[in-house]
Amino acid sequence: MTSPETPELTAGHNLTSLQTFLLSEERKHPHATGSYTMVLSALSLAAKFIAARCRRARLEDVLGGMGAQNVQGEDQQKLDVIANEALVRALGSRKGVAILASEEDDDVIVLREDTSGERPYVVLFDPLDGSSNLDVCGSVGTIFSILQHDRRVADVRDSALQAGVHQVGAGYVLYGPSTVLVMTSGNGVSMFVLDPTIGSFLLVDDDVRIPESGKSYSLNAANVPRAAAGYQHYVQWANEQGYSMRYAGAMVADVHRTLMKGGVFLYPPTAKDPSGKLRLMYEANPMAMIVEQAGGKAYSGLTRTMEVEPTQIHQRVPVILGSSREVDTVLRHLAD
């Protein structure tokens, strides 16, 4: 008999780890080889390493810039390089991975040329979204997209250029007050939180659903005067309707809030960036898959984001994603 002083395991004491969850999902597919599970395991391992470095960034003197720019023309932060290296090393050791593509690298990294008789994975990632936020102790994140080798292409490198509808998995890790991993394999969205005392991601929600609506929008207000008229009209309408604006300066943080609370995330094209600012392959597609799997919508202009046909690995697009009703409202303003 349990005494009043003895703590009991309740629903709040979750012991379903990410590894347990992945293995249980793998058992549902008799022909699974375990390669996909190994990819996600590698991503979670890299995320733990990155989370630890972020927590100790000031103490280890790894804040600030490298004094160089990445292929995107952006100032490269020290932790951008550290996070990128962690992901490349963790994923590079998994035999089921053929190609890696990072926002920080000029070109794809080919790990395996010979894919005959197999469909190995292509993993694309933004190692540390919003990395400059670390200088002020703000939230940052990692975004990833998983594809399979396209047998229709002769060169395995071309497998990285597939529309988002062909993703077999996607997710992000938010490094904030807690480290949160949100992922989908095309059958709903699951959320895990890292328990640093045991070093494991624990399942906290296996059916994340975005609210159908929410009276908030997330965008950089400085871009509004330089955006197309439809975006300007939407912001004016939203302000008149009593909407609040939320903007953290990191896509992961802004999308996570939208996923939890509802609303819409916007990154419109501007005169400076007429094609949009966010990367299709590393940011827009994986976030679109997550939001759609949670019951929301994601568009790039008037085109569904995951139906955009990529032409280059660092392609940029505008982004509208979030609660279905809120996205529809933005699209109406763009159409008008």
Protein backbone atom coordinates (compact mmCIF):
# COMPACT_ATOMS: atom_id res chain seq x y z
CA MET A 1 0.00 0.00 0.00
CA THR A 2 1.31 3.46 -0.94
CA SER A 3 1.76 5.85 1.96
CA PRO A 4 0.64 9.50 1.62
CA GLU A 5 4.32 10.51 1.50
CA THR A 6 5.16 8.21 -1.43
CA PRO A 7 5.06 9.95 -4.82
CA GLU A 8 3.10 8.11 -7.49
CA LEU A 9 3.55 7.98 -11.25
CA THR A 10 0.66 9.88 -12.79
CA ALA A 11 -0.17 11.18 -16.25
CA GLY A 12 2.24 13.99 -15.50
CA HIS A 13 5.11 11.53 -15.09
CA ASN A 14 5.58 10.63 -18.75
CA LEU A 15 7.88 7.73 -19.47
CA THR A 16 7.31 7.43 -23.22
CA SER A 17 10.62 8.43 -24.76
CA LEU A 18 11.20 9.43 -28.35
CA GLN A 19 13.05 6.17 -28.96
CA THR A 20 10.15 4.12 -27.55
CA PHE A 21 7.71 6.10 -29.66
CA LEU A 22 9.74 5.58 -32.84
CA LEU A 23 10.14 1.85 -32.26
CA SER A 24 6.41 1.45 -31.61
CA GLU A 25 5.64 3.33 -34.84
CA GLU A 26 8.18 1.20 -36.72
CA ARG A 27 6.40 -1.98 -35.63
CA LYS A 28 3.29 -0.78 -37.45
CA HIS A 29 5.18 -1.18 -40.74
CA PRO A 30 6.26 -4.81 -41.27
CA HIS A 31 8.63 -3.93 -44.12
CA ALA A 32 10.44 -1.14 -42.26
CA THR A 33 14.24 -1.48 -42.29
CA GLY A 34 14.88 0.80 -39.32
CA SER A 35 16.69 3.41 -41.45
CA TYR A 36 14.03 6.08 -40.92
CA THR A 37 14.13 5.53 -37.17
CA MET A 38 17.91 5.91 -37.29
CA VAL A 39 17.59 9.22 -39.12
CA LEU A 40 15.26 10.63 -36.48
CA SER A 41 17.46 9.22 -33.73
CA ALA A 42 20.46 11.06 -35.25
CA LEU A 43 18.47 14.29 -35.41
CA SER A 44 17.47 14.00 -31.75
CA LEU A 45 21.07 13.31 -30.74
CA ALA A 46 22.29 16.40 -32.59
CA ALA A 47 19.47 18.42 -31.02
CA LYS A 48 20.60 17.44 -27.51
CA PHE A 49 24.15 18.52 -28.35
CA ILE A 50 22.97 21.85 -29.81
CA ALA A 51 20.69 22.48 -26.82
CA ALA A 52 23.62 21.98 -24.45
CA ARG A 53 25.84 24.36 -26.42
CA CYS A 54 23.09 26.99 -26.54
CA ARG A 55 22.65 26.83 -22.77
CA ARG A 56 26.38 27.35 -22.26
CA ALA A 57 26.99 29.71 -25.18
CA ARG A 58 27.99 32.69 -23.05
CA LEU A 59 30.08 30.59 -20.69
CA GLU A 60 31.92 28.90 -23.58
CA ASP A 61 32.36 32.17 -25.52
CA VAL A 62 30.61 30.92 -28.65
CA LEU A 63 28.25 33.87 -29.09
CA GLY A 64 28.59 36.40 -31.88
CA GLY A 65 29.66 36.24 -35.49
CA MET A 66 32.38 34.37 -37.31
CA GLY A 67 33.36 37.41 -39.33
CA ALA A 68 32.18 35.71 -42.51
CA GLN A 69 28.98 35.18 -44.49
CA ASN A 70 27.28 31.95 -45.48
CA VAL A 71 26.03 31.08 -48.95
CA GLN A 72 22.83 33.02 -48.20
CA GLY A 73 24.81 36.24 -47.80
CA GLU A 74 24.00 36.31 -44.09
CA ASP A 75 26.48 36.92 -41.28
CA GLN A 76 27.46 33.52 -39.95
CA GLN A 77 27.27 33.04 -36.20
CA LYS A 78 29.66 30.82 -34.27
CA LEU A 79 26.81 28.57 -33.18
CA ASP A 80 25.58 28.29 -36.78
CA VAL A 81 28.82 26.50 -37.57
CA ILE A 82 28.72 24.37 -34.41
CA ALA A 83 25.10 23.30 -35.02
CA ASN A 84 25.76 22.55 -38.68
CA GLU A 85 28.76 20.38 -37.83
CA ALA A 86 26.78 18.49 -35.19
CA LEU A 87 24.00 17.64 -37.64
CA VAL A 88 26.39 16.65 -40.43
CA ARG A 89 28.34 14.35 -38.12
CA ALA A 90 25.28 12.75 -36.51
CA LEU A 91 23.46 12.15 -39.81
CA GLY A 92 26.60 11.30 -41.76
CA SER A 93 27.13 8.18 -39.67
CA ARG A 94 23.71 6.73 -40.60
CA LYS A 95 24.01 4.37 -43.55
CA GLY A 96 20.42 5.04 -44.63
CA VAL A 97 21.26 8.64 -45.53
CA ALA A 98 22.45 9.41 -49.09
CA ILE A 99 22.41 13.22 -49.14
CA LEU A 100 22.57 16.08 -46.65
CA ALA A 101 21.71 19.65 -47.54
CA SER A 102 22.19 22.55 -45.15
CA GLU A 103 21.30 26.21 -45.31
CA GLU A 104 24.90 26.90 -44.31
CA ASP A 105 26.56 25.00 -47.18
CA ASP A 106 26.95 25.96 -50.83
CA ASP A 107 25.95 22.58 -52.22
CA VAL A 108 24.53 19.25 -51.10
CA ILE A 109 26.76 16.72 -49.34
CA VAL A 110 26.70 13.36 -51.12
CA LEU A 111 27.31 10.47 -48.74
CA ARG A 112 26.31 7.65 -51.09
CA GLU A 113 26.37 7.60 -54.89
CA ASP A 114 25.14 4.02 -55.37
CA THR A 115 21.42 3.82 -54.55
CA SER A 116 20.53 0.81 -56.70
CA GLY A 117 17.80 -1.29 -55.15
CA GLU A 118 17.33 1.16 -52.28
CA ARG A 119 15.54 4.37 -51.45
CA PRO A 120 17.90 6.07 -49.00
CA TYR A 121 17.02 9.34 -47.35
CA VAL A 122 17.77 12.94 -48.18
CA VAL A 123 17.86 15.18 -45.10
CA LEU A 124 17.69 18.96 -45.45
CA PHE A 125 18.04 21.32 -42.49
CA ASP A 126 18.42 24.82 -41.15
CA PRO A 127 20.89 24.13 -38.32
CA LEU A 128 20.12 27.14 -36.14
CA ASP A 129 17.22 29.33 -37.18
CA GLY A 130 17.32 32.79 -35.58
CA SER A 131 20.88 32.29 -34.32
CA SER A 132 21.46 36.01 -33.72
CA ASN A 133 18.77 35.80 -30.99
CA LEU A 134 21.28 33.97 -28.81
CA ASP A 135 23.17 37.20 -28.20
CA VAL A 136 20.15 38.46 -26.25
CA CYS A 137 19.12 35.09 -24.77
CA GLY A 138 16.26 34.68 -27.25
CA SER A 139 14.75 31.48 -28.62
CA VAL A 140 16.35 29.70 -31.59
CA GLY A 141 15.69 26.41 -33.35
CA THR A 142 16.55 23.68 -35.82
CA ILE A 143 14.29 22.83 -38.77
CA PHE A 144 14.52 19.61 -40.80
CA SER A 145 12.93 17.95 -43.81
CA ILE A 146 13.23 14.30 -44.84
CA LEU A 147 12.81 13.01 -48.40
CA GLN A 148 13.54 9.70 -50.06
CA HIS A 149 15.76 9.22 -53.10
CA ASP A 150 13.74 9.81 -56.26
CA ARG A 151 14.34 6.80 -58.52
CA ARG A 152 13.28 8.82 -61.56
CA VAL A 153 16.43 10.95 -61.47
CA ALA A 154 19.77 9.72 -62.79
CA ASP A 155 21.89 11.80 -60.41
CA VAL A 156 21.25 11.21 -56.72
CA ARG A 157 21.94 14.92 -56.12
CA ASP A 158 18.73 15.80 -57.92
CA SER A 159 16.76 13.93 -55.26
CA ALA A 160 17.12 16.98 -53.03
CA LEU A 161 14.95 18.99 -55.42
CA GLN A 162 11.52 17.53 -54.72
CA ALA A 163 8.31 19.37 -53.95
CA GLY A 164 7.21 19.39 -50.32
CA VAL A 165 4.37 16.95 -51.00
CA HIS A 166 7.02 14.24 -51.30
CA GLN A 167 8.38 14.75 -47.79
CA VAL A 168 8.21 11.62 -45.64
CA GLY A 169 8.98 13.51 -42.46
CA ALA A 170 9.59 16.99 -41.09
CA GLY A 171 10.09 18.69 -37.78
CA TYR A 172 11.70 21.36 -35.71
CA VAL A 173 13.44 21.73 -32.38
CA LEU A 174 12.85 24.86 -30.31
CA TYR A 175 15.61 25.77 -27.88
CA GLY A 176 13.93 28.01 -25.32
CA PRO A 177 13.03 27.72 -21.62
CA SER A 178 12.66 24.03 -22.49
CA THR A 179 13.86 22.10 -25.54
CA VAL A 180 10.84 21.04 -27.61
CA LEU A 181 10.87 18.63 -30.55
CA VAL A 182 7.85 18.72 -32.86
CA MET A 183 7.71 16.21 -35.71
CA THR A 184 5.48 14.50 -38.24
CA SER A 185 5.88 11.43 -40.42
CA GLY A 186 2.72 12.16 -42.37
CA ASN A 187 0.27 10.78 -39.83
CA GLY A 188 -0.35 13.66 -37.43
CA VAL A 189 2.00 15.76 -35.32
CA SER A 190 3.76 14.67 -32.12
CA MET A 191 5.52 16.85 -29.56
CA PHE A 192 8.35 15.89 -27.20
CA VAL A 193 10.15 17.81 -24.47
CA LEU A 194 13.74 17.13 -23.46
CA ASP A 195 14.11 16.10 -19.81
CA PRO A 196 17.74 17.09 -19.12
CA THR A 197 17.83 15.06 -15.92
CA ILE A 198 17.58 11.80 -17.86
CA GLY A 199 18.77 13.04 -21.25
CA SER A 200 15.71 11.92 -23.15
CA PHE A 201 12.94 13.52 -25.20
CA LEU A 202 9.61 12.56 -23.63
CA LEU A 203 6.27 12.49 -25.42
CA VAL A 204 3.88 15.19 -24.22
CA ASP A 205 1.31 15.21 -27.06
CA ASP A 206 0.82 12.65 -29.83
CA ASP A 207 -1.93 14.55 -31.66
CA VAL A 208 -1.06 18.25 -31.85
CA ARG A 209 -3.86 20.28 -33.44
CA ILE A 210 -3.67 23.94 -34.39
CA PRO A 211 -6.74 26.01 -33.44
CA GLU A 212 -8.96 26.83 -36.45
CA SER A 213 -8.57 30.53 -35.74
CA GLY A 214 -6.67 32.90 -33.50
CA LYS A 215 -6.63 36.68 -33.29
CA SER A 216 -2.91 37.23 -33.74
CA TYR A 217 -0.48 37.55 -36.61
CA SER A 218 3.27 37.12 -36.62
CA LEU A 219 5.47 39.13 -38.98
CA ASN A 220 8.24 41.69 -39.07
CA ALA A 221 6.30 44.97 -39.07
CA ALA A 222 9.20 46.75 -40.77
CA ASN A 223 8.44 44.74 -43.92
CA VAL A 224 4.80 45.80 -44.18
CA PRO A 225 5.30 49.15 -45.97
CA ARG A 226 7.47 47.39 -48.57
CA ALA A 227 5.10 44.43 -49.07
CA ALA A 228 2.41 43.98 -51.72
CA ALA A 229 -0.85 45.83 -51.20
CA GLY A 230 -2.74 42.67 -50.21
CA TYR A 231 -0.49 42.11 -47.20
CA GLN A 232 -0.79 45.77 -46.19
CA HIS A 233 -4.57 45.60 -46.41
CA TYR A 234 -4.63 42.41 -44.33
CA VAL A 235 -2.53 43.98 -41.55
CA GLN A 236 -4.75 47.07 -41.54
CA TRP A 237 -7.85 44.83 -41.35
CA ALA A 238 -6.35 42.70 -38.57
CA ASN A 239 -5.46 45.76 -36.50
CA GLU A 240 -9.00 47.10 -36.91
CA GLN A 241 -10.35 43.73 -35.72
CA GLY A 242 -8.28 43.86 -32.53
CA TYR A 243 -5.64 41.31 -33.54
CA SER A 244 -2.33 41.37 -31.69
CA MET A 245 1.08 41.16 -33.36
CA ARG A 246 3.68 38.66 -32.13
CA TYR A 247 7.18 38.43 -33.57
CA ALA A 248 10.17 36.69 -32.00
CA GLY A 249 12.62 37.00 -34.89
CA ALA A 250 13.05 33.22 -35.25
CA MET A 251 10.72 31.25 -37.50
CA VAL A 252 10.73 28.26 -35.14
CA ALA A 253 9.59 30.35 -32.17
CA ASP A 254 6.94 32.20 -34.18
CA VAL A 255 5.55 29.08 -35.84
CA HIS A 256 5.53 27.17 -32.55
CA ARG A 257 3.45 29.90 -30.92
CA THR A 258 1.09 29.89 -33.90
CA LEU A 259 0.79 26.10 -33.73
CA MET A 260 -0.06 26.21 -30.03
CA LYS A 261 -2.25 29.32 -29.88
CA GLY A 262 -3.59 29.77 -33.39
CA GLY A 263 -3.21 32.74 -35.70
CA VAL A 264 -1.08 33.24 -38.78
CA PHE A 265 2.63 33.57 -39.54
CA LEU A 266 3.57 35.82 -42.46
CA TYR A 267 6.78 36.49 -44.34
CA PRO A 268 5.75 38.42 -47.46
CA PRO A 269 7.85 39.26 -50.50
CA THR A 270 9.21 42.80 -50.51
CA ALA A 271 10.95 45.13 -52.93
CA LYS A 272 14.24 43.98 -51.42
CA ASP A 273 13.32 40.27 -51.57
CA PRO A 274 10.74 39.97 -54.39
CA SER A 275 10.84 36.16 -54.33
CA GLY A 276 10.47 36.02 -50.56
CA LYS A 277 13.04 35.61 -47.82
CA LEU A 278 12.56 32.15 -46.33
CA ARG A 279 14.12 29.04 -47.85
CA LEU A 280 11.66 26.65 -49.49
CA MET A 281 13.59 23.44 -48.83
CA TYR A 282 14.88 24.08 -45.29
CA GLU A 283 12.16 26.22 -43.75
CA ALA A 284 8.93 26.63 -45.70
CA ASN A 285 8.34 23.01 -46.77
CA PRO A 286 8.97 21.32 -43.39
CA MET A 287 6.94 23.93 -41.51
CA ALA A 288 4.15 23.61 -44.08
CA MET A 289 4.02 19.85 -43.58
CA ILE A 290 3.80 20.22 -39.80
CA VAL A 291 1.08 22.87 -39.94
CA GLU A 292 -1.00 20.95 -42.50
CA GLN A 293 -0.69 17.72 -40.51
CA ALA A 294 -1.95 19.64 -37.48
CA GLY A 295 -5.02 20.83 -39.41
CA GLY A 296 -3.75 24.20 -40.64
CA LYS A 297 -2.79 25.61 -44.04
CA ALA A 298 0.43 26.85 -45.64
CA TYR A 299 0.77 28.95 -48.78
CA SER A 300 3.46 30.79 -50.70
CA GLY A 301 1.51 33.61 -52.28
CA LEU A 302 -1.61 31.99 -53.73
CA THR A 303 0.11 28.61 -54.23
CA ARG A 304 0.11 25.86 -51.64
CA THR A 305 3.68 25.83 -50.34
CA MET A 306 4.21 22.08 -50.65
CA GLU A 307 3.17 22.18 -54.32
CA VAL A 308 5.88 24.67 -55.29
CA GLU A 309 8.30 22.93 -57.66
CA PRO A 310 11.88 23.66 -56.52
CA THR A 311 14.46 24.73 -59.07
CA GLN A 312 17.43 25.27 -56.76
CA ILE A 313 18.47 24.08 -53.33
CA HIS A 314 18.52 27.57 -51.76
CA GLN A 315 15.31 28.77 -53.40
CA ARG A 316 13.35 31.40 -51.46
CA VAL A 317 9.59 31.83 -51.21
CA PRO A 318 7.06 33.97 -49.33
CA VAL A 319 5.22 32.20 -46.51
CA ILE A 320 1.69 32.33 -45.11
CA LEU A 321 0.89 29.57 -42.62
CA GLY A 322 -1.22 28.92 -39.56
CA SER A 323 -4.85 28.42 -38.60
CA SER A 324 -6.99 27.53 -41.61
CA ARG A 325 -9.46 30.41 -41.17
CA GLU A 326 -6.72 32.97 -40.68
CA VAL A 327 -4.77 31.82 -43.73
CA ASP A 328 -7.97 31.97 -45.79
CA THR A 329 -8.47 35.57 -44.64
CA VAL A 330 -4.96 36.55 -45.77
CA LEU A 331 -5.50 34.83 -49.13
CA ARG A 332 -8.74 36.76 -49.65
CA HIS A 333 -6.90 40.02 -49.14
CA LEU A 334 -4.19 38.95 -51.60
CA ALA A 335 -6.77 37.91 -54.20
CA ASP A 336 -8.57 41.26 -53.84
